[in-house]
């Protein structure tokens, strides 16, 4: 069973998000997603300053099994990337909810979080897959 922190919101494309103390949306992939991908080998960073819409492709990760696109759970401007992942992509496997965060978004509309799933709803989705 995957670890699913309750304070996060989840997208059906397996990203998680929360708003940090600076008002930025911190985004990563779920424990379920990193387990499904297997050992991560590399990340393609997002372009900082890019304006993205909810559901739009932001970056990609590559594992021993496959490459996978990462999507924006909410709209906004990409303002940060976890640069540690360039040398240590395995942080995503080791700490999907902490050190393995992917990027931060300056949200355009925080109410978009309301369209995302709770941990309980996300668990029901992955149980059905």
Protein backbone atom coordinates (compact mmCIF):
# COMPACT_ATOMS: atom_id res chain seq x y z
CA UNK A 1 0.00 0.00 0.00
CA UNK A 2 1.33 3.42 -0.93
CA UNK A 3 2.05 6.16 1.57
CA UNK A 4 -0.41 9.06 1.11
CA UNK A 5 0.00 12.09 3.39
CA UNK A 6 -3.39 13.61 4.24
CA UNK A 7 -2.29 17.25 3.89
CA UNK A 8 -1.63 16.85 0.15
CA UNK A 9 -4.01 17.09 -2.80
CA UNK A 10 -3.66 14.53 -5.60
CA UNK A 11 -4.12 14.66 -9.38
CA UNK A 12 -5.39 11.67 -11.33
CA UNK A 13 -2.06 11.79 -13.23
CA UNK A 14 -0.27 10.86 -9.95
CA UNK A 15 1.13 14.24 -8.92
CA UNK A 16 0.71 15.68 -5.42
CA UNK A 17 0.61 19.35 -4.42
CA UNK A 18 0.39 21.59 -1.37
CA UNK A 19 0.73 25.33 -0.77
CA UNK A 20 3.84 26.16 1.27
CA UNK A 21 4.33 29.03 3.74
CA UNK A 22 5.47 31.30 0.87
CA UNK A 23 2.20 30.72 -1.01
CA UNK A 24 3.87 28.51 -3.62
CA UNK A 25 2.46 25.22 -4.84
CA UNK A 26 5.04 22.47 -4.23
CA UNK A 27 4.63 19.56 -6.67
CA UNK A 28 5.96 16.01 -6.77
CA UNK A 29 4.92 12.53 -7.82
CA UNK A 30 3.23 10.08 -5.50
CA UNK A 31 4.77 7.07 -3.82
CA UNK A 32 2.56 4.93 -6.07
CA UNK A 33 3.95 6.67 -9.18
CA UNK A 34 7.59 6.30 -8.21
CA UNK A 35 7.03 2.63 -7.31
CA UNK A 36 5.37 2.05 -10.69
CA UNK A 37 8.21 3.75 -12.56
CA UNK A 38 11.01 1.94 -10.75
CA UNK A 39 14.47 3.38 -10.21
CA UNK A 40 14.63 6.90 -11.62
CA UNK A 41 17.68 7.63 -13.76
CA UNK A 42 17.19 11.24 -14.91
CA UNK A 43 14.88 14.22 -14.93
CA UNK A 44 14.24 16.83 -17.61
CA UNK A 45 13.80 20.10 -15.68
CA UNK A 46 10.94 22.46 -16.39
CA UNK A 47 11.63 25.87 -17.89
CA UNK A 48 11.53 28.45 -15.11
CA UNK A 49 9.26 31.42 -15.77
CA UNK A 50 6.93 29.37 -17.94
CA UNK A 51 3.21 29.99 -17.49
CA UNK A 52 1.36 26.66 -17.41
CA UNK A 53 -2.25 25.58 -17.22
CA UNK A 54 -3.70 22.91 -14.98
CA UNK A 55 -3.11 19.52 -16.61
CA UNK A 56 -0.36 20.77 -18.92
CA UNK A 57 2.90 18.82 -19.29
CA UNK A 58 5.69 20.48 -17.29
CA UNK A 59 8.64 18.08 -17.33
CA UNK A 60 9.57 14.42 -17.62
CA UNK A 61 11.35 11.77 -15.60
CA UNK A 62 13.08 8.69 -16.93
CA UNK A 63 13.39 5.40 -15.11
CA UNK A 64 14.89 2.03 -15.89
CA UNK A 65 11.42 1.05 -17.14
CA UNK A 66 10.18 4.09 -19.08
CA UNK A 67 9.93 7.84 -19.47
CA UNK A 68 6.96 9.60 -17.92
CA UNK A 69 5.55 13.09 -18.35
CA UNK A 70 4.78 15.15 -15.26
CA UNK A 71 1.76 17.46 -15.37
CA UNK A 72 0.80 20.63 -13.52
CA UNK A 73 -1.86 19.94 -10.89
CA UNK A 74 -2.73 23.66 -10.88
CA UNK A 75 -2.15 26.65 -13.17
CA UNK A 76 0.57 29.20 -12.56
CA UNK A 77 4.16 30.18 -13.24
CA UNK A 78 7.01 27.70 -12.75
CA UNK A 79 9.25 29.48 -10.24
CA UNK A 80 11.57 26.76 -8.88
CA UNK A 81 12.99 23.34 -9.68
CA UNK A 82 14.56 20.91 -7.21
CA UNK A 83 18.09 21.10 -8.63
CA UNK A 84 19.28 18.26 -6.39
CA UNK A 85 17.38 15.91 -8.71
CA UNK A 86 19.78 16.60 -11.59
CA UNK A 87 22.55 14.72 -9.74
CA UNK A 88 20.31 12.54 -7.56
CA UNK A 89 17.06 11.62 -9.37
CA UNK A 90 16.75 8.68 -6.98
CA UNK A 91 15.65 11.18 -4.29
CA UNK A 92 12.22 10.87 -5.92
CA UNK A 93 12.27 7.14 -5.13
CA UNK A 94 13.71 7.59 -1.64
CA UNK A 95 11.69 10.61 -0.50
CA UNK A 96 8.73 11.21 -2.87
CA UNK A 97 7.05 13.61 -0.41
CA UNK A 98 10.10 15.39 1.01
CA UNK A 99 13.50 15.71 -0.67
CA UNK A 100 12.09 14.39 -3.95
CA UNK A 101 9.76 17.30 -4.69
CA UNK A 102 9.98 18.34 -8.35
CA UNK A 103 9.02 21.99 -8.91
CA UNK A 104 7.14 24.96 -7.46
CA UNK A 105 4.39 27.00 -9.05
CA UNK A 106 3.25 30.53 -8.24
CA UNK A 107 -0.48 29.72 -8.45
CA UNK A 108 -2.87 31.81 -10.54
CA UNK A 109 -5.94 30.45 -8.76
CA UNK A 110 -5.64 28.37 -5.58
CA UNK A 111 -9.28 27.34 -5.90
CA UNK A 112 -8.08 24.85 -8.57
CA UNK A 113 -6.94 22.73 -5.61
CA UNK A 114 -10.62 22.01 -4.98
CA UNK A 115 -10.76 19.97 -8.20
CA UNK A 116 -8.03 17.61 -6.94
CA UNK A 117 -8.43 14.46 -4.85
CA UNK A 118 -7.99 13.86 -1.15
CA UNK A 119 -5.66 11.07 -0.02
CA UNK A 120 -8.71 8.83 0.48
CA UNK A 121 -10.06 9.52 -3.03
CA UNK A 122 -6.63 9.02 -4.60
CA UNK A 123 -6.22 5.70 -2.76
CA UNK A 124 -9.57 4.56 -4.20
CA UNK A 125 -8.32 5.50 -7.69
CA UNK A 126 -5.07 3.55 -7.42
CA UNK A 127 -6.88 0.57 -5.90
CA UNK A 128 -9.07 0.52 -9.03
CA UNK A 129 -6.05 0.57 -11.41
